[in-house]
PDB file of N, CA and C in Angstrom:
ATOM      1  N   MET A   1       0.837  -1.179   0.000  1.00  0.00           N
ATOM      2  CA  MET A   1       0.000   0.000   0.000  1.00  0.00           C
ATOM      3  C   MET A   1       0.879   1.239   0.000  1.00  0.00           C
ATOM      4  N   THR A   2       0.506   2.149  -0.838  1.00  0.00           N
ATOM      5  CA  THR A   2       1.187   3.442  -0.845  1.00  0.00           C
ATOM      6  C   THR A   2       0.132   4.524  -0.707  1.00  0.00           C
ATOM      7  N   TRP A   3       0.584   5.688  -0.293  1.00  0.00           N
ATOM      8  CA  TRP A   3      -0.339   6.806  -0.220  1.00  0.00           C
ATOM      9  C   TRP A   3       0.376   8.102  -0.494  1.00  0.00           C
ATOM     10  N   GLU A   4      -0.425   9.099  -0.863  1.00  0.00           N
ATOM     11  CA  GLU A   4       0.067  10.455  -1.078  1.00  0.00           C
ATOM     12  C   GLU A   4      -0.728  11.377  -0.181  1.00  0.00           C
ATOM     13  N   LEU A   5      -0.069  12.414   0.286  1.00  0.00           N
ATOM     14  CA  LEU A   5      -0.718  13.389   1.162  1.00  0.00           C
ATOM     15  C   LEU A   5      -0.759  14.755   0.505  1.00  0.00           C
ATOM     16  N   ARG A   6      -1.760  15.525   0.857  1.00  0.00           N
ATOM     17  CA  ARG A   6      -1.856  16.903   0.364  1.00  0.00           C
ATOM     18  C   ARG A   6      -2.568  17.727   1.434  1.00  0.00           C
ATOM     19  N   GLU A   7      -2.080  18.947   1.620  1.00  0.00           N
ATOM     20  CA  GLU A   7      -2.726  19.882   2.543  1.00  0.00           C
ATOM     21  C   GLU A   7      -3.517  20.892   1.727  1.00  0.00           C
ATOM     22  N   HIS A   8      -4.703  21.237   2.208  1.00  0.00           N
ATOM     23  CA  HIS A   8      -5.535  22.233   1.544  1.00  0.00           C
ATOM     24  C   HIS A   8      -6.329  22.973   2.609  1.00  0.00           C
ATOM     25  N   ALA A   9      -6.181  24.273   2.641  1.00  0.00           N
ATOM     26  CA  ALA A   9      -6.918  25.137   3.576  1.00  0.00           C
ATOM     27  C   ALA A   9      -6.782  24.654   5.024  1.00  0.00           C
ATOM     28  N   GLY A  10      -5.566  24.233   5.376  1.00  0.00           N
ATOM     29  CA  GLY A  10      -5.296  23.837   6.757  1.00  0.00           C
ATOM     30  C   GLY A  10      -5.708  22.412   7.111  1.00  0.00           C
ATOM     31  N   ARG A  11      -6.263  21.666   6.169  1.00  0.00           N
ATOM     32  CA  ARG A  11      -6.650  20.278   6.409  1.00  0.00           C
ATOM     33  C   ARG A  11      -5.760  19.359   5.575  1.00  0.00           C
ATOM     34  N   HIS A  12      -5.570  18.160   6.060  1.00  0.00           N
ATOM     35  CA  HIS A  12      -4.738  17.191   5.358  1.00  0.00           C
ATOM     36  C   HIS A  12      -5.620  16.100   4.759  1.00  0.00           C
ATOM     37  N   TYR A  13      -5.294  15.723   3.523  1.00  0.00           N
ATOM     38  CA  TYR A  13      -6.028  14.690   2.800  1.00  0.00           C
ATOM     39  C   TYR A  13      -5.032  13.638   2.328  1.00  0.00           C
ATOM     40  N   ALA A  14      -5.533  12.428   2.162  1.00  0.00           N
ATOM     41  CA  ALA A  14      -4.672  11.332   1.709  1.00  0.00           C
ATOM     42  C   ALA A  14      -5.369  10.563   0.598  1.00  0.00           C
ATOM     43  N   ILE A  15      -4.559  10.080  -0.333  1.00  0.00           N
ATOM     44  CA  ILE A  15      -5.034   9.133  -1.334  1.00  0.00           C
ATOM     45  C   ILE A  15      -4.237   7.854  -1.127  1.00  0.00           C
ATOM     46  N   LEU A  16      -4.959   6.784  -0.889  1.00  0.00           N
ATOM     47  CA  LEU A  16      -4.374   5.471  -0.628  1.00  0.00           C
ATOM     48  C   LEU A  16      -4.586   4.583  -1.851  1.00  0.00           C
ATOM     49  N   PHE A  17      -3.536   3.893  -2.265  1.00  0.00           N
ATOM     50  CA  PHE A  17      -3.584   2.975  -3.405  1.00  0.00           C
ATOM     51  C   PHE A  17      -3.334   1.561  -2.902  1.00  0.00           C
ATOM     52  N   HIS A  18      -4.204   0.632  -3.267  1.00  0.00           N
ATOM     53  CA  HIS A  18      -3.962  -0.775  -2.944  1.00  0.00           C
ATOM     54  C   HIS A  18      -4.777  -1.650  -3.886  1.00  0.00           C
ATOM     55  N   TYR A  19      -4.384  -2.917  -3.973  1.00  0.00           N
ATOM     56  CA  TYR A  19      -5.125  -3.841  -4.830  1.00  0.00           C
ATOM     57  C   TYR A  19      -6.236  -4.470  -4.013  1.00  0.00           C
ATOM     58  N   ALA A  20      -7.464  -4.396  -4.517  1.00  0.00           N
ATOM     59  CA  ALA A  20      -8.629  -4.982  -3.858  1.00  0.00           C
ATOM     60  C   ALA A  20      -8.894  -6.338  -4.506  1.00  0.00           C
ATOM     61  N   LEU A  21      -8.340  -7.371  -3.939  1.00  0.00           N
ATOM     62  CA  LEU A  21      -8.425  -8.710  -4.519  1.00  0.00           C
ATOM     63  C   LEU A  21      -9.866  -9.181  -4.747  1.00  0.00           C
ATOM     64  N   PRO A  22     -10.775  -8.985  -3.800  1.00  0.00           N
ATOM     65  CA  PRO A  22     -12.144  -9.457  -4.042  1.00  0.00           C
ATOM     66  C   PRO A  22     -12.813  -8.784  -5.257  1.00  0.00           C
ATOM     67  N   ASP A  23     -12.377  -7.581  -5.579  1.00  0.00           N
ATOM     68  CA  ASP A  23     -12.952  -6.835  -6.701  1.00  0.00           C
ATOM     69  C   ASP A  23     -12.146  -6.991  -7.989  1.00  0.00           C
ATOM     70  N   ASP A  24     -10.996  -7.651  -7.920  1.00  0.00           N
ATOM     71  CA  ASP A  24     -10.080  -7.739  -9.062  1.00  0.00           C
ATOM     72  C   ASP A  24      -9.845  -6.360  -9.667  1.00  0.00           C
ATOM     73  N   ALA A  25      -9.507  -5.410  -8.808  1.00  0.00           N
ATOM     74  CA  ALA A  25      -9.341  -4.026  -9.257  1.00  0.00           C
ATOM     75  C   ALA A  25      -8.405  -3.284  -8.308  1.00  0.00           C
ATOM     76  N   TRP A  26      -7.826  -2.219  -8.839  1.00  0.00           N
ATOM     77  CA  TRP A  26      -7.051  -1.315  -7.998  1.00  0.00           C
ATOM     78  C   TRP A  26      -8.019  -0.385  -7.293  1.00  0.00           C
ATOM     79  N   SER A  27      -7.753  -0.142  -6.034  1.00  0.00           N
ATOM     80  CA  SER A  27      -8.581   0.752  -5.238  1.00  0.00           C
ATOM     81  C   SER A  27      -7.802   2.038  -4.994  1.00  0.00           C
ATOM     82  N   VAL A  28      -8.456   3.158  -5.271  1.00  0.00           N
ATOM     83  CA  VAL A  28      -7.880   4.475  -5.024  1.00  0.00           C
ATOM     84  C   VAL A  28      -8.842   5.159  -4.057  1.00  0.00           C
ATOM     85  N   GLU A  29      -8.383   5.431  -2.831  1.00  0.00           N
ATOM     86  CA  GLU A  29      -9.273   5.926  -1.788  1.00  0.00           C
ATOM     87  C   GLU A  29      -8.859   7.308  -1.297  1.00  0.00           C
ATOM     88  N   LEU A  30      -9.827   8.201  -1.205  1.00  0.00           N
ATOM     89  CA  LEU A  30      -9.597   9.545  -0.664  1.00  0.00           C
ATOM     90  C   LEU A  30     -10.128   9.602   0.755  1.00  0.00           C
ATOM     91  N   SER A  31      -9.317  10.170   1.651  1.00  0.00           N
ATOM     92  CA  SER A  31      -9.750  10.348   3.040  1.00  0.00           C
ATOM     93  C   SER A  31      -9.151  11.624   3.599  1.00  0.00           C
ATOM     94  N   GLU A  32      -9.703  12.058   4.731  1.00  0.00           N
ATOM     95  CA  GLU A  32      -9.027  13.097   5.496  1.00  0.00           C
ATOM     96  C   GLU A  32      -7.928  12.376   6.247  1.00  0.00           C
ATOM     97  N   ALA A  33      -6.729  12.908   6.164  1.00  0.00           N
ATOM     98  CA  ALA A  33      -5.589  12.264   6.814  1.00  0.00           C
ATOM     99  C   ALA A  33      -5.676  12.459   8.324  1.00  0.00           C
ATOM    100  N   VAL A  34      -5.144  11.484   9.038  1.00  0.00           N
ATOM    101  CA  VAL A  34      -5.142  11.493  10.498  1.00  0.00           C
ATOM    102  C   VAL A  34      -3.725  11.790  10.966  1.00  0.00           C
ATOM    103  N   SER A  35      -3.598  12.673  11.916  1.00  0.00           N
ATOM    104  CA  SER A  35      -2.282  13.007  12.469  1.00  0.00           C
ATOM    105  C   SER A  35      -1.708  11.803  13.200  1.00  0.00           C
ATOM    106  N   THR A  36      -0.426  11.529  12.972  1.00  0.00           N
ATOM    107  CA  THR A  36       0.214  10.419  13.676  1.00  0.00           C
ATOM    108  C   THR A  36       0.401  10.758  15.150  1.00  0.00           C
ATOM    109  N   ALA A  37       0.390  12.041  15.496  1.00  0.00           N
ATOM    110  CA  ALA A  37       0.481  12.432  16.908  1.00  0.00           C
ATOM    111  C   ALA A  37      -0.736  11.909  17.659  1.00  0.00           C
ATOM    112  N   ALA A  38      -1.880  11.805  16.979  1.00  0.00           N
ATOM    113  CA  ALA A  38      -3.095  11.306  17.603  1.00  0.00           C
ATOM    114  C   ALA A  38      -3.000   9.811  17.887  1.00  0.00           C
ATOM    115  N   LYS A  39      -2.064   9.131  17.238  1.00  0.00           N
ATOM    116  CA  LYS A  39      -1.904   7.690  17.436  1.00  0.00           C
ATOM    117  C   LYS A  39      -1.019   7.377  18.635  1.00  0.00           C
ATOM    118  N   GLY A  40      -0.463   8.392  19.274  1.00  0.00           N
ATOM    119  CA  GLY A  40       0.347   8.165  20.460  1.00  0.00           C
ATOM    120  C   GLY A  40       1.830   8.291  20.187  1.00  0.00           C
ATOM    121  N   ALA A  41       2.599   8.453  21.236  1.00  0.00           N
ATOM    122  CA  ALA A  41       4.035   8.684  21.119  1.00  0.00           C
ATOM    123  C   ALA A  41       4.786   7.447  20.637  1.00  0.00           C
ATOM    124  N   GLY A  42       4.237   6.277  20.835  1.00  0.00           N
ATOM    125  CA  GLY A  42       4.939   5.053  20.459  1.00  0.00           C
ATOM    126  C   GLY A  42       4.619   4.595  19.050  1.00  0.00           C
ATOM    127  N   ASN A  43       4.338   5.521  18.151  1.00  0.00           N
ATOM    128  CA  ASN A  43       3.976   5.087  16.791  1.00  0.00           C
ATOM    129  C   ASN A  43       5.219   4.707  15.991  1.00  0.00           C
ATOM    130  N   SER A  44       4.988   3.972  14.920  1.00  0.00           N
ATOM    131  CA  SER A  44       6.105   3.513  14.087  1.00  0.00           C
ATOM    132  C   SER A  44       6.247   4.355  12.828  1.00  0.00           C
ATOM    133  N   TYR A  45       5.650   5.522  12.808  1.00  0.00           N
ATOM    134  CA  TYR A  45       5.658   6.386  11.626  1.00  0.00           C
ATOM    135  C   TYR A  45       6.651   7.533  11.776  1.00  0.00           C
ATOM    136  N   ALA A  46       7.743   7.336  12.468  1.00  0.00           N
ATOM    137  CA  ALA A  46       8.729   8.342  12.831  1.00  0.00           C
ATOM    138  C   ALA A  46       8.632   9.681  12.097  1.00  0.00           C
ATOM    139  N   ALA A  47       8.926   9.736  10.794  1.00  0.00           N
ATOM    140  CA  ALA A  47       8.963  11.010  10.076  1.00  0.00           C
ATOM    141  C   ALA A  47       7.628  11.343   9.401  1.00  0.00           C
ATOM    142  N   VAL A  48       6.662  10.466   9.487  1.00  0.00           N
ATOM    143  CA  VAL A  48       5.372  10.689   8.835  1.00  0.00           C
ATOM    144  C   VAL A  48       4.463  11.436   9.799  1.00  0.00           C
ATOM    145  N   THR A  49       3.907  12.544   9.351  1.00  0.00           N
ATOM    146  CA  THR A  49       3.055  13.348  10.227  1.00  0.00           C
ATOM    147  C   THR A  49       1.584  12.995  10.123  1.00  0.00           C
ATOM    148  N   HIS A  50       1.171  12.446   8.963  1.00  0.00           N
ATOM    149  CA  HIS A  50      -0.224  12.079   8.747  1.00  0.00           C
ATOM    150  C   HIS A  50      -0.303  10.763   7.973  1.00  0.00           C
ATOM    151  N   VAL A  51      -1.370  10.018   8.233  1.00  0.00           N
ATOM    152  CA  VAL A  51      -1.634   8.767   7.525  1.00  0.00           C
ATOM    153  C   VAL A  51      -3.083   8.793   7.040  1.00  0.00           C
ATOM    154  N   PRO A  52      -3.423   7.950   6.066  1.00  0.00           N
ATOM    155  CA  PRO A  52      -4.807   7.935   5.581  1.00  0.00           C
ATOM    156  C   PRO A  52      -5.797   7.601   6.698  1.00  0.00           C
ATOM    157  N   GLY A  53      -6.953   8.234   6.623  1.00  0.00           N
ATOM    158  CA  GLY A  53      -8.036   7.947   7.564  1.00  0.00           C
ATOM    159  C   GLY A  53      -9.078   7.070   6.892  1.00  0.00           C
ATOM    160  N   VAL A  54     -10.299   7.186   7.345  1.00  0.00           N
ATOM    161  CA  VAL A  54     -11.407   6.412   6.785  1.00  0.00           C
ATOM    162  C   VAL A  54     -11.790   6.999   5.428  1.00  0.00           C
ATOM    163  N   ALA A  55     -11.943   6.141   4.427  1.00  0.00           N
ATOM    164  CA  ALA A  55     -12.232   6.588   3.062  1.00  0.00           C
ATOM    165  C   ALA A  55     -13.568   7.333   2.976  1.00  0.00           C
ATOM    166  N   VAL A  56     -13.540   8.429   2.211  1.00  0.00           N
ATOM    167  CA  VAL A  56     -14.743   9.195   1.892  1.00  0.00           C
ATOM    168  C   VAL A  56     -15.172   8.873   0.463  1.00  0.00           C
ATOM    169  N   LEU A  57     -14.181   8.714  -0.422  1.00  0.00           N
ATOM    170  CA  LEU A  57     -14.411   8.326  -1.816  1.00  0.00           C
ATOM    171  C   LEU A  57     -13.516   7.146  -2.135  1.00  0.00           C
ATOM    172  N   ARG A  58     -14.046   6.204  -2.932  1.00  0.00           N
ATOM    173  CA  ARG A  58     -13.242   5.051  -3.338  1.00  0.00           C
ATOM    174  C   ARG A  58     -13.521   4.755  -4.803  1.00  0.00           C
ATOM    175  N   ALA A  59     -12.458   4.753  -5.591  1.00  0.00           N
ATOM    176  CA  ALA A  59     -12.570   4.385  -6.997  1.00  0.00           C
ATOM    177  C   ALA A  59     -12.007   2.986  -7.168  1.00  0.00           C
ATOM    178  N   LEU A  60     -12.734   2.156  -7.905  1.00  0.00           N
ATOM    179  CA  LEU A  60     -12.238   0.828  -8.262  1.00  0.00           C
ATOM    180  C   LEU A  60     -11.904   0.846  -9.736  1.00  0.00           C
ATOM    181  N   VAL A  61     -10.660   0.476 -10.050  1.00  0.00           N
ATOM    182  CA  VAL A  61     -10.166   0.488 -11.423  1.00  0.00           C
ATOM    183  C   VAL A  61      -9.844  -0.951 -11.826  1.00  0.00           C
ATOM    184  N   PRO A  62     -10.730  -1.594 -12.617  1.00  0.00           N
ATOM    185  CA  PRO A  62     -10.470  -2.970 -13.041  1.00  0.00           C
ATOM    186  C   PRO A  62      -9.189  -3.046 -13.871  1.00  0.00           C
ATOM    187  N   ASP A  63      -8.398  -4.091 -13.623  1.00  0.00           N
ATOM    188  CA  ASP A  63      -7.142  -4.215 -14.366  1.00  0.00           C
ATOM    189  C   ASP A  63      -7.098  -5.467 -15.235  1.00  0.00           C
ATOM    190  N   GLU A  64      -8.128  -6.302 -15.183  1.00  0.00           N
ATOM    191  CA  GLU A  64      -8.153  -7.523 -15.976  1.00  0.00           C
ATOM    192  C   GLU A  64      -8.889  -7.347 -17.296  1.00  0.00           C
ATOM    193  N   ASP A  65      -9.832  -6.416 -17.349  1.00  0.00           N
ATOM    194  CA  ASP A  65     -10.665  -6.240 -18.529  1.00  0.00           C
ATOM    195  C   ASP A  65     -10.845  -4.747 -18.792  1.00  0.00           C
ATOM    196  N   PRO A  66     -10.213  -4.207 -19.844  1.00  0.00           N
ATOM    197  CA  PRO A  66     -10.288  -2.767 -20.094  1.00  0.00           C
ATOM    198  C   PRO A  66     -11.674  -2.289 -20.530  1.00  0.00           C
ATOM    199  N   THR A  67     -12.588  -3.214 -20.827  1.00  0.00           N
ATOM    200  CA  THR A  67     -13.939  -2.785 -21.194  1.00  0.00           C
ATOM    201  C   THR A  67     -14.784  -2.478 -19.965  1.00  0.00           C
ATOM    202  N   LEU A  68     -14.344  -2.939 -18.791  1.00  0.00           N
ATOM    203  CA  LEU A  68     -15.071  -2.615 -17.568  1.00  0.00           C
ATOM    204  C   LEU A  68     -14.784  -1.176 -17.158  1.00  0.00           C
ATOM    205  N   GLU A  69     -15.814  -0.462 -16.795  1.00  0.00           N
ATOM    206  CA  GLU A  69     -15.676   0.942 -16.396  1.00  0.00           C
ATOM    207  C   GLU A  69     -15.188   1.059 -14.954  1.00  0.00           C
ATOM    208  N   PRO A  70     -14.306   1.992 -14.695  1.00  0.00           N
ATOM    209  CA  PRO A  70     -13.979   2.305 -13.303  1.00  0.00           C
ATOM    210  C   PRO A  70     -15.237   2.868 -12.629  1.00  0.00           C
ATOM    211  N   THR A  71     -15.346   2.657 -11.346  1.00  0.00           N
ATOM    212  CA  THR A  71     -16.490   3.176 -10.596  1.00  0.00           C
ATOM    213  C   THR A  71     -15.999   3.962  -9.397  1.00  0.00           C
ATOM    214  N   VAL A  72     -16.824   4.895  -8.931  1.00  0.00           N
ATOM    215  CA  VAL A  72     -16.500   5.680  -7.733  1.00  0.00           C
ATOM    216  C   VAL A  72     -17.653   5.517  -6.756  1.00  0.00           C
ATOM    217  N   ARG A  73     -17.311   5.167  -5.526  1.00  0.00           N
ATOM    218  CA  ARG A  73     -18.311   5.032  -4.471  1.00  0.00           C
ATOM    219  C   ARG A  73     -18.077   6.139  -3.445  1.00  0.00           C
ATOM    220  N   VAL A  74     -19.160   6.722  -2.987  1.00  0.00           N
ATOM    221  CA  VAL A  74     -19.101   7.782  -1.984  1.00  0.00           C
ATOM    222  C   VAL A  74     -19.478   7.188  -0.631  1.00  0.00           C
ATOM    223  N   TYR A  75     -18.594   7.355   0.343  1.00  0.00           N
ATOM    224  CA  TYR A  75     -18.862   6.940   1.721  1.00  0.00           C
ATOM    225  C   TYR A  75     -18.918   8.220   2.543  1.00  0.00           C
ATOM    226  N   SER A  76     -20.091   8.665   2.898  1.00  0.00           N
ATOM    227  CA  SER A  76     -20.144   9.929   3.613  1.00  0.00           C
ATOM    228  C   SER A  76     -21.313  10.003   4.586  1.00  0.00           C
ATOM    229  N   PRO A  77     -21.311   9.163   5.605  1.00  0.00           N
ATOM    230  CA  PRO A  77     -22.409   9.239   6.568  1.00  0.00           C
ATOM    231  C   PRO A  77     -22.407  10.555   7.346  1.00  0.00           C
ATOM    232  N   ASP A  78     -21.244  11.180   7.472  1.00  0.00           N
ATOM    233  CA  ASP A  78     -21.139  12.448   8.197  1.00  0.00           C
ATOM    234  C   ASP A  78     -21.193  13.646   7.260  1.00  0.00           C
ATOM    235  N   GLU A  79     -21.612  13.426   6.021  1.00  0.00           N
ATOM    236  CA  GLU A  79     -21.702  14.480   5.010  1.00  0.00           C
ATOM    237  C   GLU A  79     -20.400  15.259   4.888  1.00  0.00           C
ATOM    238  N   HIS A  80     -19.311  14.550   4.624  1.00  0.00           N
ATOM    239  CA  HIS A  80     -18.018  15.182   4.410  1.00  0.00           C
ATOM    240  C   HIS A  80     -18.082  16.125   3.214  1.00  0.00           C
ATOM    241  N   VAL A  81     -17.370  17.203   3.309  1.00  0.00           N
ATOM    242  CA  VAL A  81     -17.245  18.143   2.205  1.00  0.00           C
ATOM    243  C   VAL A  81     -15.852  17.947   1.621  1.00  0.00           C
ATOM    244  N   VAL A  82     -15.798  17.751   0.302  1.00  0.00           N
ATOM    245  CA  VAL A  82     -14.511  17.580  -0.372  1.00  0.00           C
ATOM    246  C   VAL A  82     -14.270  18.833  -1.206  1.00  0.00           C
ATOM    247  N   PRO A  83     -13.228  19.604  -0.880  1.00  0.00           N
ATOM    248  CA  PRO A  83     -12.939  20.806  -1.665  1.00  0.00           C
ATOM    249  C   PRO A  83     -12.667  20.467  -3.131  1.00  0.00           C
ATOM    250  N   TYR A  84     -13.002  21.392  -3.993  1.00  0.00           N
ATOM    251  CA  TYR A  84     -12.855  21.204  -5.433  1.00  0.00           C
ATOM    252  C   TYR A  84     -11.436  20.777  -5.813  1.00  0.00           C
ATOM    253  N   GLU A  85     -10.423  21.458  -5.303  1.00  0.00           N
ATOM    254  CA  GLU A  85      -9.030  21.135  -5.656  1.00  0.00           C
ATOM    255  C   GLU A  85      -8.656  19.726  -5.220  1.00  0.00           C
ATOM    256  N   ILE A  86      -9.173  19.287  -4.094  1.00  0.00           N
ATOM    257  CA  ILE A  86      -8.891  17.931  -3.616  1.00  0.00           C
ATOM    258  C   ILE A  86      -9.615  16.915  -4.497  1.00  0.00           C
ATOM    259  N   MET A  87     -10.844  17.229  -4.893  1.00  0.00           N
ATOM    260  CA  MET A  87     -11.579  16.340  -5.795  1.00  0.00           C
ATOM    261  C   MET A  87     -10.864  16.221  -7.137  1.00  0.00           C
ATOM    262  N   ARG A  88     -10.352  17.328  -7.656  1.00  0.00           N
ATOM    263  CA  ARG A  88      -9.581  17.292  -8.919  1.00  0.00           C
ATOM    264  C   ARG A  88      -8.347  16.413  -8.765  1.00  0.00           C
ATOM    265  N   TRP A  89      -7.634  16.593  -7.662  1.00  0.00           N
ATOM    266  CA  TRP A  89      -6.438  15.801  -7.384  1.00  0.00           C
ATOM    267  C   TRP A  89      -6.794  14.314  -7.351  1.00  0.00           C
ATOM    268  N   PHE A  90      -7.869  13.960  -6.646  1.00  0.00           N
ATOM    269  CA  PHE A  90      -8.315  12.571  -6.559  1.00  0.00           C
ATOM    270  C   PHE A  90      -8.644  12.022  -7.945  1.00  0.00           C
ATOM    271  N   MET A  91      -9.409  12.759  -8.731  1.00  0.00           N
ATOM    272  CA  MET A  91      -9.806  12.278 -10.053  1.00  0.00           C
ATOM    273  C   MET A  91      -8.612  12.175 -11.000  1.00  0.00           C
ATOM    274  N   GLU A  92      -7.617  13.049 -10.848  1.00  0.00           N
ATOM    275  CA  GLU A  92      -6.388  12.933 -11.648  1.00  0.00           C
ATOM    276  C   GLU A  92      -5.652  11.635 -11.299  1.00  0.00           C
ATOM    277  N   GLN A  93      -5.617  11.300 -10.013  1.00  0.00           N
ATOM    278  CA  GLN A  93      -4.960  10.061  -9.585  1.00  0.00           C
ATOM    279  C   GLN A  93      -5.716   8.840 -10.113  1.00  0.00           C
ATOM    280  N   VAL A  94      -7.050   8.915 -10.108  1.00  0.00           N
ATOM    281  CA  VAL A  94      -7.860   7.816 -10.649  1.00  0.00           C
ATOM    282  C   VAL A  94      -7.600   7.678 -12.148  1.00  0.00           C
ATOM    283  N   ALA A  95      -7.595   8.798 -12.870  1.00  0.00           N
ATOM    284  CA  ALA A  95      -7.346   8.762 -14.319  1.00  0.00           C
ATOM    285  C   ALA A  95      -5.966   8.178 -14.619  1.00  0.00           C
ATOM    286  N   ASP A  96      -4.963   8.538 -13.838  1.00  0.00           N
ATOM    287  CA  ASP A  96      -3.614   7.976 -14.018  1.00  0.00           C
ATOM    288  C   ASP A  96      -3.623   6.465 -13.788  1.00  0.00           C
ATOM    289  N   GLN A  97      -4.364   6.009 -12.775  1.00  0.00           N
ATOM    290  CA  GLN A  97      -4.432   4.570 -12.495  1.00  0.00           C
ATOM    291  C   GLN A  97      -5.134   3.838 -13.641  1.00  0.00           C
ATOM    292  N   VAL A  98      -6.192   4.436 -14.199  1.00  0.00           N
ATOM    293  CA  VAL A  98      -6.884   3.842 -15.345  1.00  0.00           C
ATOM    294  C   VAL A  98      -5.909   3.691 -16.515  1.00  0.00           C
ATOM    295  N   GLU A  99      -5.148   4.740 -16.803  1.00  0.00           N
ATOM    296  CA  GLU A  99      -4.173   4.684 -17.904  1.00  0.00           C
ATOM    297  C   GLU A  99      -3.131   3.597 -17.671  1.00  0.00           C
ATOM    298  N   ARG A 100      -2.613   3.483 -16.439  1.00  0.00           N
ATOM    299  CA  ARG A 100      -1.607   2.458 -16.130  1.00  0.00           C
ATOM    300  C   ARG A 100      -2.180   1.053 -16.313  1.00  0.00           C
ATOM    301  N   CYS A 101      -3.397   0.844 -15.835  1.00  0.00           N
ATOM    302  CA  CYS A 101      -4.010  -0.492 -15.951  1.00  0.00           C
ATOM    303  C   CYS A 101      -4.266  -0.851 -17.409  1.00  0.00           C
ATOM    304  N   ARG A 102      -4.754   0.082 -18.186  1.00  0.00           N
ATOM    305  CA  ARG A 102      -5.036  -0.202 -19.596  1.00  0.00           C
ATOM    306  C   ARG A 102      -3.747  -0.414 -20.390  1.00  0.00           C
ATOM    307  N   ALA A 103      -2.720   0.356 -20.075  1.00  0.00           N
ATOM    308  CA  ALA A 103      -1.435   0.180 -20.762  1.00  0.00           C
ATOM    309  C   ALA A 103      -0.839  -1.188 -20.427  1.00  0.00           C
ATOM    310  N   ALA A 104      -0.925  -1.591 -19.176  1.00  0.00           N
ATOM    311  CA  ALA A 104      -0.394  -2.899 -18.769  1.00  0.00           C
ATOM    312  C   ALA A 104      -1.170  -4.024 -19.440  1.00  0.00           C
ATOM    313  N   PHE A 105      -2.492  -3.866 -19.553  1.00  0.00           N
ATOM    314  CA  PHE A 105      -3.313  -4.886 -20.212  1.00  0.00           C
ATOM    315  C   PHE A 105      -2.923  -5.018 -21.679  1.00  0.00           C
ATOM    316  N   GLU A 106      -2.747  -3.889 -22.369  1.00  0.00           N
ATOM    317  CA  GLU A 106      -2.358  -3.914 -23.769  1.00  0.00           C
ATOM    318  C   GLU A 106      -0.981  -4.560 -23.950  1.00  0.00           C
ATOM    319  N   LEU A 107      -0.054  -4.247 -23.062  1.00  0.00           N
ATOM    320  CA  LEU A 107       1.286  -4.828 -23.132  1.00  0.00           C
ATOM    321  C   LEU A 107       1.238  -6.343 -22.947  1.00  0.00           C
ATOM    322  N   GLU A 108       0.459  -6.797 -21.965  1.00  0.00           N
ATOM    323  CA  GLU A 108       0.340  -8.240 -21.736  1.00  0.00           C
ATOM    324  C   GLU A 108      -0.264  -8.940 -22.952  1.00  0.00           C
ATOM    325  N   ASN A 109      -1.284  -8.336 -23.552  1.00  0.00           N
ATOM    326  CA  ASN A 109      -1.910  -8.950 -24.728  1.00  0.00           C
ATOM    327  C   ASN A 109      -0.967  -8.949 -25.927  1.00  0.00           C
ATOM    328  N   ALA A 110      -0.193  -7.899 -26.097  1.00  0.00           N
ATOM    329  CA  ALA A 110       0.758  -7.830 -27.217  1.00  0.00           C
ATOM    330  C   ALA A 110       1.831  -8.899 -27.056  1.00  0.00           C
ATOM    331  N   GLU A 111       2.302  -9.125 -25.839  1.00  0.00           N
ATOM    332  CA  GLU A 111       3.322 -10.150 -25.577  1.00  0.00           C
ATOM    333  C   GLU A 111       2.754 -11.549 -25.770  1.00  0.00           C
ATOM    334  N   ALA A 112       1.480 -11.742 -25.436  1.00  0.00           N
ATOM    335  CA  ALA A 112       0.848 -13.049 -25.594  1.00  0.00           C
ATOM    336  C   ALA A 112       0.668 -13.412 -27.062  1.00  0.00           C
ATOM    337  N   VAL A 113       0.454 -12.407 -27.918  1.00  0.00           N
ATOM    338  CA  VAL A 113       0.243 -12.632 -29.351  1.00  0.00           C
ATOM    339  C   VAL A 113       1.554 -13.010 -30.015  1.00  0.00           C
ATOM    340  N   GLU A 114       2.659 -12.458 -29.565  1.00  0.00           N
ATOM    341  CA  GLU A 114       3.975 -12.708 -30.189  1.00  0.00           C
ATOM    342  C   GLU A 114       4.480 -14.059 -29.941  1.00  0.00           C
TER     343      GLU A 114
END
């Protein structure tokens, strides 16, 4: 799992990337980042100040079949507000993941034909 952090208007946001095996897709999740100071002094995140929190948005990007559409699910029981710039950042990351998955699929198929 990897993640990226971004600060906007004094708040921290995270995008987490991981493979969702049950969905056969890459998962790209947006959350408000949680301060590692809140996790206590004995944390293992030495130089990391924030980590991903609970997902507010989750995109699933299928990597086995390029004809399947990526989907975005909204998780917002507390009516989270996502600033426009953060939403753009999230969608850019999703679009990049779609391009990577489709390029990898094409490469695998080209190698299989040869």
